[in-house]
Amino acid sequence: MTTHKDPVTTTGAAAVTSRPPLEFLAGQCTGGTCPAVYRRDAHSVVVQGYALTGNAAGVDLPDGEHLVEIPVDVLLAAADKIRNQG
C-alpha cells in the first residue's frame, strides 16, 4: 500500500499512453459518465467520481493528489470483484 511517505515515481506521457486500457470493475453506469472504479493493474485501481476540494473536506492535500467521492456501493462492488478475481 502506498502512503504519503512512500516515494512515488512517474514517467513521461509516452509510458502512460502505452499502458493497456483500464478494466471496468464497478460503477453506477457503464457509459463512463458516472462514478466508477477501474483496475489499472494487479496492484492499483483508478476511481472516477465527483471531485472535492481539500478545503471543503477539511483535508490538507499535497500537490498532485485529488479527493474523489463515490457511492459506497460502487466501492464495495469493486472490492468484491477484485476479491473474486484474485
PDB file of N, CA and C in Angstrom:
ATOM      1  N   MET A   1       0.830  -1.171   0.000  1.00  0.00           N
ATOM      2  CA  MET A   1       0.000   0.000   0.000  1.00  0.00           C
ATOM      3  C   MET A   1       0.874   1.232   0.000  1.00  0.00           C
ATOM      4  N   THR A   2       0.598   2.176  -0.860  1.00  0.00           N
ATOM      5  CA  THR A   2       1.358   3.407  -0.932  1.00  0.00           C
ATOM      6  C   THR A   2       0.845   4.384   0.111  1.00  0.00           C
ATOM      7  N   THR A   3       1.757   4.978   0.832  1.00  0.00           N
ATOM      8  CA  THR A   3       1.384   6.011   1.790  1.00  0.00           C
ATOM      9  C   THR A   3       2.012   7.313   1.342  1.00  0.00           C
ATOM     10  N   HIS A   4       1.688   8.386   2.040  1.00  0.00           N
ATOM     11  CA  HIS A   4       2.264   9.678   1.684  1.00  0.00           C
ATOM     12  C   HIS A   4       3.772   9.688   1.875  1.00  0.00           C
ATOM     13  N   LYS A   5       4.295   8.769   2.660  1.00  0.00           N
ATOM     14  CA  LYS A   5       5.727   8.722   2.913  1.00  0.00           C
ATOM     15  C   LYS A   5       6.466   7.881   1.878  1.00  0.00           C
ATOM     16  N   ASP A   6       5.755   7.048   1.136  1.00  0.00           N
ATOM     17  CA  ASP A   6       6.391   6.208   0.133  1.00  0.00           C
ATOM     18  C   ASP A   6       6.768   7.044  -1.081  1.00  0.00           C
ATOM     19  N   PRO A   7       7.948   6.817  -1.653  1.00  0.00           N
ATOM     20  CA  PRO A   7       8.302   7.552  -2.862  1.00  0.00           C
ATOM     21  C   PRO A   7       7.434   7.093  -4.030  1.00  0.00           C
ATOM     22  N   VAL A   8       7.001   8.035  -4.814  1.00  0.00           N
ATOM     23  CA  VAL A   8       6.200   7.730  -5.989  1.00  0.00           C
ATOM     24  C   VAL A   8       6.918   8.317  -7.187  1.00  0.00           C
ATOM     25  N   THR A   9       7.150   7.493  -8.180  1.00  0.00           N
ATOM     26  CA  THR A   9       7.807   7.980  -9.376  1.00  0.00           C
ATOM     27  C   THR A   9       6.834   7.934 -10.535  1.00  0.00           C
ATOM     28  N   THR A  10       7.003   8.853 -11.433  1.00  0.00           N
ATOM     29  CA  THR A  10       6.182   8.878 -12.633  1.00  0.00           C
ATOM     30  C   THR A  10       7.096   8.977 -13.830  1.00  0.00           C
ATOM     31  N   THR A  11       6.574   8.593 -14.958  1.00  0.00           N
ATOM     32  CA  THR A  11       7.329   8.704 -16.190  1.00  0.00           C
ATOM     33  C   THR A  11       6.572   9.610 -17.131  1.00  0.00           C
ATOM     34  N   GLY A  12       7.139   9.862 -18.281  1.00  0.00           N
ATOM     35  CA  GLY A  12       6.517  10.759 -19.243  1.00  0.00           C
ATOM     36  C   GLY A  12       5.216  10.228 -19.802  1.00  0.00           C
ATOM     37  N   ALA A  13       4.537  11.059 -20.571  1.00  0.00           N
ATOM     38  CA  ALA A  13       3.235  10.709 -21.141  1.00  0.00           C
ATOM     39  C   ALA A  13       3.315   9.472 -22.032  1.00  0.00           C
ATOM     40  N   ALA A  14       4.448   9.237 -22.666  1.00  0.00           N
ATOM     41  CA  ALA A  14       4.557   8.083 -23.558  1.00  0.00           C
ATOM     42  C   ALA A  14       4.338   6.781 -22.797  1.00  0.00           C
ATOM     43  N   ALA A  15       4.866   6.707 -21.577  1.00  0.00           N
ATOM     44  CA  ALA A  15       4.689   5.485 -20.792  1.00  0.00           C
ATOM     45  C   ALA A  15       3.231   5.304 -20.388  1.00  0.00           C
ATOM     46  N   VAL A  16       2.557   6.386 -20.091  1.00  0.00           N
ATOM     47  CA  VAL A  16       1.156   6.301 -19.685  1.00  0.00           C
ATOM     48  C   VAL A  16       0.294   5.848 -20.848  1.00  0.00           C
ATOM     49  N   THR A  17       0.529   6.376 -22.041  1.00  0.00           N
ATOM     50  CA  THR A  17      -0.298   6.023 -23.185  1.00  0.00           C
ATOM     51  C   THR A  17      -0.021   4.612 -23.681  1.00  0.00           C
ATOM     52  N   SER A  18       1.114   4.017 -23.302  1.00  0.00           N
ATOM     53  CA  SER A  18       1.425   2.669 -23.760  1.00  0.00           C
ATOM     54  C   SER A  18       0.796   1.599 -22.864  1.00  0.00           C
ATOM     55  N   ARG A  19       0.178   1.997 -21.770  1.00  0.00           N
ATOM     56  CA  ARG A  19      -0.468   1.038 -20.876  1.00  0.00           C
ATOM     57  C   ARG A  19      -1.761   0.534 -21.495  1.00  0.00           C
ATOM     58  N   PRO A  20      -2.144  -0.684 -21.145  1.00  0.00           N
ATOM     59  CA  PRO A  20      -3.426  -1.190 -21.644  1.00  0.00           C
ATOM     60  C   PRO A  20      -4.571  -0.374 -21.056  1.00  0.00           C
ATOM     61  N   PRO A  21      -5.732  -0.425 -21.696  1.00  0.00           N
ATOM     62  CA  PRO A  21      -6.870   0.332 -21.174  1.00  0.00           C
ATOM     63  C   PRO A  21      -7.280  -0.160 -19.788  1.00  0.00           C
ATOM     64  N   LEU A  22      -7.955   0.710 -19.066  1.00  0.00           N
ATOM     65  CA  LEU A  22      -8.447   0.349 -17.739  1.00  0.00           C
ATOM     66  C   LEU A  22      -9.523  -0.723 -17.846  1.00  0.00           C
ATOM     67  N   GLU A  23      -9.584  -1.604 -16.850  1.00  0.00           N
ATOM     68  CA  GLU A  23     -10.622  -2.634 -16.789  1.00  0.00           C
ATOM     69  C   GLU A  23     -11.742  -2.145 -15.873  1.00  0.00           C
ATOM     70  N   PHE A  24     -12.943  -2.035 -16.401  1.00  0.00           N
ATOM     71  CA  PHE A  24     -14.086  -1.614 -15.609  1.00  0.00           C
ATOM     72  C   PHE A  24     -14.386  -2.661 -14.543  1.00  0.00           C
ATOM     73  N   LEU A  25     -14.482  -2.236 -13.283  1.00  0.00           N
ATOM     74  CA  LEU A  25     -14.819  -3.145 -12.189  1.00  0.00           C
ATOM     75  C   LEU A  25     -16.243  -2.946 -11.700  1.00  0.00           C
ATOM     76  N   ALA A  26     -16.627  -1.705 -11.460  1.00  0.00           N
ATOM     77  CA  ALA A  26     -17.964  -1.425 -10.936  1.00  0.00           C
ATOM     78  C   ALA A  26     -18.289   0.042 -11.153  1.00  0.00           C
ATOM     79  N   GLY A  27     -19.570   0.326 -11.289  1.00  0.00           N
ATOM     80  CA  GLY A  27     -19.983   1.712 -11.443  1.00  0.00           C
ATOM     81  C   GLY A  27     -21.487   1.839 -11.447  1.00  0.00           C
ATOM     82  N   GLN A  28     -21.938   3.071 -11.443  1.00  0.00           N
ATOM     83  CA  GLN A  28     -23.373   3.317 -11.483  1.00  0.00           C
ATOM     84  C   GLN A  28     -23.913   3.213 -12.897  1.00  0.00           C
ATOM     85  N   CYS A  29     -23.038   3.252 -13.882  1.00  0.00           N
ATOM     86  CA  CYS A  29     -23.428   3.044 -15.278  1.00  0.00           C
ATOM     87  C   CYS A  29     -22.205   2.500 -16.007  1.00  0.00           C
ATOM     88  N   THR A  30     -22.359   2.085 -17.239  1.00  0.00           N
ATOM     89  CA  THR A  30     -21.212   1.563 -17.993  1.00  0.00           C
ATOM     90  C   THR A  30     -20.780   2.512 -19.093  1.00  0.00           C
ATOM     91  N   GLY A  31     -21.359   3.699 -19.142  1.00  0.00           N
ATOM     92  CA  GLY A  31     -21.047   4.641 -20.206  1.00  0.00           C
ATOM     93  C   GLY A  31     -19.871   5.551 -19.936  1.00  0.00           C
ATOM     94  N   GLY A  32     -19.256   5.458 -18.755  1.00  0.00           N
ATOM     95  CA  GLY A  32     -18.110   6.291 -18.439  1.00  0.00           C
ATOM     96  C   GLY A  32     -18.465   7.688 -17.974  1.00  0.00           C
ATOM     97  N   THR A  33     -19.741   7.943 -17.702  1.00  0.00           N
ATOM     98  CA  THR A  33     -20.140   9.292 -17.309  1.00  0.00           C
ATOM     99  C   THR A  33     -20.650   9.359 -15.876  1.00  0.00           C
ATOM    100  N   CYS A  34     -20.348   8.364 -15.059  1.00  0.00           N
ATOM    101  CA  CYS A  34     -20.795   8.374 -13.665  1.00  0.00           C
ATOM    102  C   CYS A  34     -19.729   7.690 -12.804  1.00  0.00           C
ATOM    103  N   PRO A  35     -19.850   7.787 -11.472  1.00  0.00           N
ATOM    104  CA  PRO A  35     -18.839   7.203 -10.593  1.00  0.00           C
ATOM    105  C   PRO A  35     -18.556   5.734 -10.923  1.00  0.00           C
ATOM    106  N   ALA A  36     -17.264   5.403 -10.933  1.00  0.00           N
ATOM    107  CA  ALA A  36     -16.848   4.047 -11.288  1.00  0.00           C
ATOM    108  C   ALA A  36     -15.479   3.751 -10.697  1.00  0.00           C
ATOM    109  N   VAL A  37     -15.150   2.471 -10.640  1.00  0.00           N
ATOM    110  CA  VAL A  37     -13.830   2.011 -10.227  1.00  0.00           C
ATOM    111  C   VAL A  37     -13.294   1.118 -11.339  1.00  0.00           C
ATOM    112  N   TYR A  38     -12.038   1.352 -11.712  1.00  0.00           N
ATOM    113  CA  TYR A  38     -11.364   0.603 -12.772  1.00  0.00           C
ATOM    114  C   TYR A  38     -10.093  -0.017 -12.212  1.00  0.00           C
ATOM    115  N   ARG A  39      -9.704  -1.163 -12.745  1.00  0.00           N
ATOM    116  CA  ARG A  39      -8.417  -1.772 -12.390  1.00  0.00           C
ATOM    117  C   ARG A  39      -7.362  -1.252 -13.361  1.00  0.00           C
ATOM    118  N   ARG A  40      -6.258  -0.750 -12.807  1.00  0.00           N
ATOM    119  CA  ARG A  40      -5.118  -0.316 -13.626  1.00  0.00           C
ATOM    120  C   ARG A  40      -4.213  -1.513 -13.895  1.00  0.00           C
ATOM    121  N   ASP A  41      -3.888  -2.231 -12.839  1.00  0.00           N
ATOM    122  CA  ASP A  41      -3.055  -3.428 -12.925  1.00  0.00           C
ATOM    123  C   ASP A  41      -3.324  -4.250 -11.671  1.00  0.00           C
ATOM    124  N   ALA A  42      -2.494  -5.215 -11.392  1.00  0.00           N
ATOM    125  CA  ALA A  42      -2.740  -6.094 -10.242  1.00  0.00           C
ATOM    126  C   ALA A  42      -2.605  -5.380  -8.901  1.00  0.00           C
ATOM    127  N   HIS A  43      -2.021  -4.180  -8.911  1.00  0.00           N
ATOM    128  CA  HIS A  43      -1.730  -3.504  -7.652  1.00  0.00           C
ATOM    129  C   HIS A  43      -2.417  -2.162  -7.471  1.00  0.00           C
ATOM    130  N   SER A  44      -3.201  -1.712  -8.449  1.00  0.00           N
ATOM    131  CA  SER A  44      -3.820  -0.396  -8.285  1.00  0.00           C
ATOM    132  C   SER A  44      -5.135  -0.282  -9.038  1.00  0.00           C
ATOM    133  N   VAL A  45      -5.959   0.628  -8.547  1.00  0.00           N
ATOM    134  CA  VAL A  45      -7.234   0.936  -9.180  1.00  0.00           C
ATOM    135  C   VAL A  45      -7.294   2.436  -9.443  1.00  0.00           C
ATOM    136  N   VAL A  46      -8.175   2.810 -10.353  1.00  0.00           N
ATOM    137  CA  VAL A  46      -8.428   4.210 -10.681  1.00  0.00           C
ATOM    138  C   VAL A  46      -9.889   4.475 -10.366  1.00  0.00           C
ATOM    139  N   VAL A  47     -10.157   5.588  -9.692  1.00  0.00           N
ATOM    140  CA  VAL A  47     -11.511   5.922  -9.270  1.00  0.00           C
ATOM    141  C   VAL A  47     -12.002   7.137 -10.044  1.00  0.00           C
ATOM    142  N   GLN A  48     -13.194   7.027 -10.595  1.00  0.00           N
ATOM    143  CA  GLN A  48     -13.858   8.141 -11.270  1.00  0.00           C
ATOM    144  C   GLN A  48     -15.024   8.561 -10.390  1.00  0.00           C
ATOM    145  N   GLY A  49     -15.073   9.827 -10.049  1.00  0.00           N
ATOM    146  CA  GLY A  49     -16.155  10.293  -9.188  1.00  0.00           C
ATOM    147  C   GLY A  49     -16.239  11.797  -9.188  1.00  0.00           C
ATOM    148  N   TYR A  50     -16.862  12.307  -8.170  1.00  0.00           N
ATOM    149  CA  TYR A  50     -17.084  13.742  -8.059  1.00  0.00           C
ATOM    150  C   TYR A  50     -15.941  14.368  -7.267  1.00  0.00           C
ATOM    151  N   ALA A  51     -15.277  15.359  -7.859  1.00  0.00           N
ATOM    152  CA  ALA A  51     -14.124  15.999  -7.238  1.00  0.00           C
ATOM    153  C   ALA A  51     -14.543  16.826  -6.029  1.00  0.00           C
ATOM    154  N   LEU A  52     -13.741  16.735  -4.987  1.00  0.00           N
ATOM    155  CA  LEU A  52     -13.912  17.542  -3.784  1.00  0.00           C
ATOM    156  C   LEU A  52     -12.641  18.344  -3.568  1.00  0.00           C
ATOM    157  N   THR A  53     -12.774  19.544  -3.079  1.00  0.00           N
ATOM    158  CA  THR A  53     -11.582  20.306  -2.724  1.00  0.00           C
ATOM    159  C   THR A  53     -11.155  19.915  -1.317  1.00  0.00           C
ATOM    160  N   GLY A  54      -9.878  20.052  -1.059  1.00  0.00           N
ATOM    161  CA  GLY A  54      -9.380  19.767   0.276  1.00  0.00           C
ATOM    162  C   GLY A  54     -10.032  20.653   1.318  1.00  0.00           C
ATOM    163  N   ASN A  55     -10.233  21.923   0.974  1.00  0.00           N
ATOM    164  CA  ASN A  55     -10.869  22.849   1.916  1.00  0.00           C
ATOM    165  C   ASN A  55     -12.277  22.401   2.261  1.00  0.00           C
ATOM    166  N   ALA A  56     -13.052  21.998   1.266  1.00  0.00           N
ATOM    167  CA  ALA A  56     -14.434  21.577   1.503  1.00  0.00           C
ATOM    168  C   ALA A  56     -14.495  20.325   2.373  1.00  0.00           C
ATOM    169  N   ALA A  57     -13.484  19.460   2.249  1.00  0.00           N
ATOM    170  CA  ALA A  57     -13.469  18.209   3.009  1.00  0.00           C
ATOM    171  C   ALA A  57     -12.701  18.328   4.324  1.00  0.00           C
ATOM    172  N   GLY A  58     -12.033  19.458   4.537  1.00  0.00           N
ATOM    173  CA  GLY A  58     -11.242  19.627   5.751  1.00  0.00           C
ATOM    174  C   GLY A  58      -9.985  18.784   5.761  1.00  0.00           C
ATOM    175  N   VAL A  59      -9.398  18.588   4.577  1.00  0.00           N
ATOM    176  CA  VAL A  59      -8.212  17.745   4.423  1.00  0.00           C
ATOM    177  C   VAL A  59      -7.116  18.552   3.737  1.00  0.00           C
ATOM    178  N   ASP A  60      -5.876  18.411   4.218  1.00  0.00           N
ATOM    179  CA  ASP A  60      -4.737  19.030   3.547  1.00  0.00           C
ATOM    180  C   ASP A  60      -4.260  18.084   2.457  1.00  0.00           C
ATOM    181  N   LEU A  61      -4.268  18.559   1.217  1.00  0.00           N
ATOM    182  CA  LEU A  61      -3.842  17.730   0.087  1.00  0.00           C
ATOM    183  C   LEU A  61      -2.503  18.212  -0.446  1.00  0.00           C
ATOM    184  N   PRO A  62      -1.558  17.307  -0.636  1.00  0.00           N
ATOM    185  CA  PRO A  62      -0.312  17.697  -1.286  1.00  0.00           C
ATOM    186  C   PRO A  62      -0.542  17.897  -2.782  1.00  0.00           C
ATOM    187  N   ASP A  63       0.351  18.621  -3.414  1.00  0.00           N
ATOM    188  CA  ASP A  63       0.259  18.827  -4.860  1.00  0.00           C
ATOM    189  C   ASP A  63       0.190  17.484  -5.570  1.00  0.00           C
ATOM    190  N   GLY A  64      -0.668  17.405  -6.570  1.00  0.00           N
ATOM    191  CA  GLY A  64      -0.782  16.205  -7.384  1.00  0.00           C
ATOM    192  C   GLY A  64      -1.795  15.192  -6.881  1.00  0.00           C
ATOM    193  N   GLU A  65      -2.373  15.406  -5.705  1.00  0.00           N
ATOM    194  CA  GLU A  65      -3.392  14.492  -5.196  1.00  0.00           C
ATOM    195  C   GLU A  65      -4.757  15.157  -5.258  1.00  0.00           C
ATOM    196  N   HIS A  66      -5.799  14.328  -5.399  1.00  0.00           N
ATOM    197  CA  HIS A  66      -7.167  14.819  -5.504  1.00  0.00           C
ATOM    198  C   HIS A  66      -8.079  13.955  -4.649  1.00  0.00           C
ATOM    199  N   LEU A  67      -9.127  14.553  -4.138  1.00  0.00           N
ATOM    200  CA  LEU A  67     -10.173  13.801  -3.443  1.00  0.00           C
ATOM    201  C   LEU A  67     -11.287  13.524  -4.427  1.00  0.00           C
ATOM    202  N   VAL A  68     -11.786  12.296  -4.413  1.00  0.00           N
ATOM    203  CA  VAL A  68     -12.871  11.900  -5.312  1.00  0.00           C
ATOM    204  C   VAL A  68     -13.922  11.179  -4.483  1.00  0.00           C
ATOM    205  N   GLU A  69     -15.165  11.593  -4.620  1.00  0.00           N
ATOM    206  CA  GLU A  69     -16.267  10.972  -3.890  1.00  0.00           C
ATOM    207  C   GLU A  69     -17.012  10.005  -4.799  1.00  0.00           C
ATOM    208  N   ILE A  70     -17.244   8.791  -4.273  1.00  0.00           N
ATOM    209  CA  ILE A  70     -18.041   7.799  -4.994  1.00  0.00           C
ATOM    210  C   ILE A  70     -19.003   7.148  -4.006  1.00  0.00           C
ATOM    211  N   PRO A  71     -20.097   6.596  -4.483  1.00  0.00           N
ATOM    212  CA  PRO A  71     -21.018   5.896  -3.590  1.00  0.00           C
ATOM    213  C   PRO A  71     -20.365   4.640  -2.995  1.00  0.00           C
ATOM    214  N   VAL A  72     -20.683   4.350  -1.754  1.00  0.00           N
ATOM    215  CA  VAL A  72     -20.125   3.185  -1.069  1.00  0.00           C
ATOM    216  C   VAL A  72     -20.432   1.897  -1.829  1.00  0.00           C
ATOM    217  N   ASP A  73     -21.639   1.779  -2.393  1.00  0.00           N
ATOM    218  CA  ASP A  73     -21.985   0.531  -3.087  1.00  0.00           C
ATOM    219  C   ASP A  73     -21.090   0.285  -4.297  1.00  0.00           C
ATOM    220  N   VAL A  74     -20.617   1.345  -4.949  1.00  0.00           N
ATOM    221  CA  VAL A  74     -19.691   1.188  -6.080  1.00  0.00           C
ATOM    222  C   VAL A  74     -18.350   0.664  -5.574  1.00  0.00           C
ATOM    223  N   LEU A  75     -17.868   1.228  -4.485  1.00  0.00           N
ATOM    224  CA  LEU A  75     -16.604   0.779  -3.905  1.00  0.00           C
ATOM    225  C   LEU A  75     -16.684  -0.678  -3.453  1.00  0.00           C
ATOM    226  N   LEU A  76     -17.767  -1.037  -2.782  1.00  0.00           N
ATOM    227  CA  LEU A  76     -17.923  -2.414  -2.303  1.00  0.00           C
ATOM    228  C   LEU A  76     -18.065  -3.411  -3.454  1.00  0.00           C
ATOM    229  N   ALA A  77     -18.770  -3.026  -4.504  1.00  0.00           N
ATOM    230  CA  ALA A  77     -18.901  -3.908  -5.671  1.00  0.00           C
ATOM    231  C   ALA A  77     -17.544  -4.130  -6.328  1.00  0.00           C
ATOM    232  N   ALA A  78     -16.730  -3.073  -6.414  1.00  0.00           N
ATOM    233  CA  ALA A  78     -15.389  -3.214  -6.984  1.00  0.00           C
ATOM    234  C   ALA A  78     -14.528  -4.111  -6.105  1.00  0.00           C
ATOM    235  N   ALA A  79     -14.604  -3.935  -4.791  1.00  0.00           N
ATOM    236  CA  ALA A  79     -13.828  -4.775  -3.872  1.00  0.00           C
ATOM    237  C   ALA A  79     -14.233  -6.241  -3.996  1.00  0.00           C
ATOM    238  N   ASP A  80     -15.520  -6.501  -4.100  1.00  0.00           N
ATOM    239  CA  ASP A  80     -15.989  -7.883  -4.280  1.00  0.00           C
ATOM    240  C   ASP A  80     -15.436  -8.490  -5.562  1.00  0.00           C
ATOM    241  N   LYS A  81     -15.443  -7.716  -6.640  1.00  0.00           N
ATOM    242  CA  LYS A  81     -14.944  -8.231  -7.920  1.00  0.00           C
ATOM    243  C   LYS A  81     -13.448  -8.522  -7.839  1.00  0.00           C
ATOM    244  N   ILE A  82     -12.693  -7.634  -7.185  1.00  0.00           N
ATOM    245  CA  ILE A  82     -11.252  -7.851  -7.024  1.00  0.00           C
ATOM    246  C   ILE A  82     -11.005  -9.116  -6.202  1.00  0.00           C
ATOM    247  N   ARG A  83     -11.735  -9.291  -5.112  1.00  0.00           N
ATOM    248  CA  ARG A  83     -11.574 -10.492  -4.272  1.00  0.00           C
ATOM    249  C   ARG A  83     -11.879 -11.763  -5.057  1.00  0.00           C
ATOM    250  N   ASN A  84     -12.929 -11.732  -5.846  1.00  0.00           N
ATOM    251  CA  ASN A  84     -13.341 -12.918  -6.602  1.00  0.00           C
ATOM    252  C   ASN A  84     -12.399 -13.238  -7.751  1.00  0.00           C
ATOM    253  N   GLN A  85     -11.754 -12.216  -8.323  1.00  0.00           N
ATOM    254  CA  GLN A  85     -10.833 -12.437  -9.438  1.00  0.00           C
ATOM    255  C   GLN A  85      -9.422 -12.740  -8.960  1.00  0.00           C
ATOM    256  N   GLY A  86      -9.122 -12.402  -7.732  1.00  0.00           N
ATOM    257  CA  GLY A  86      -7.794 -12.651  -7.183  1.00  0.00           C
ATOM    258  C   GLY A  86      -6.796 -11.620  -7.488  1.00  0.00           C
TER     259      GLY A  86
END
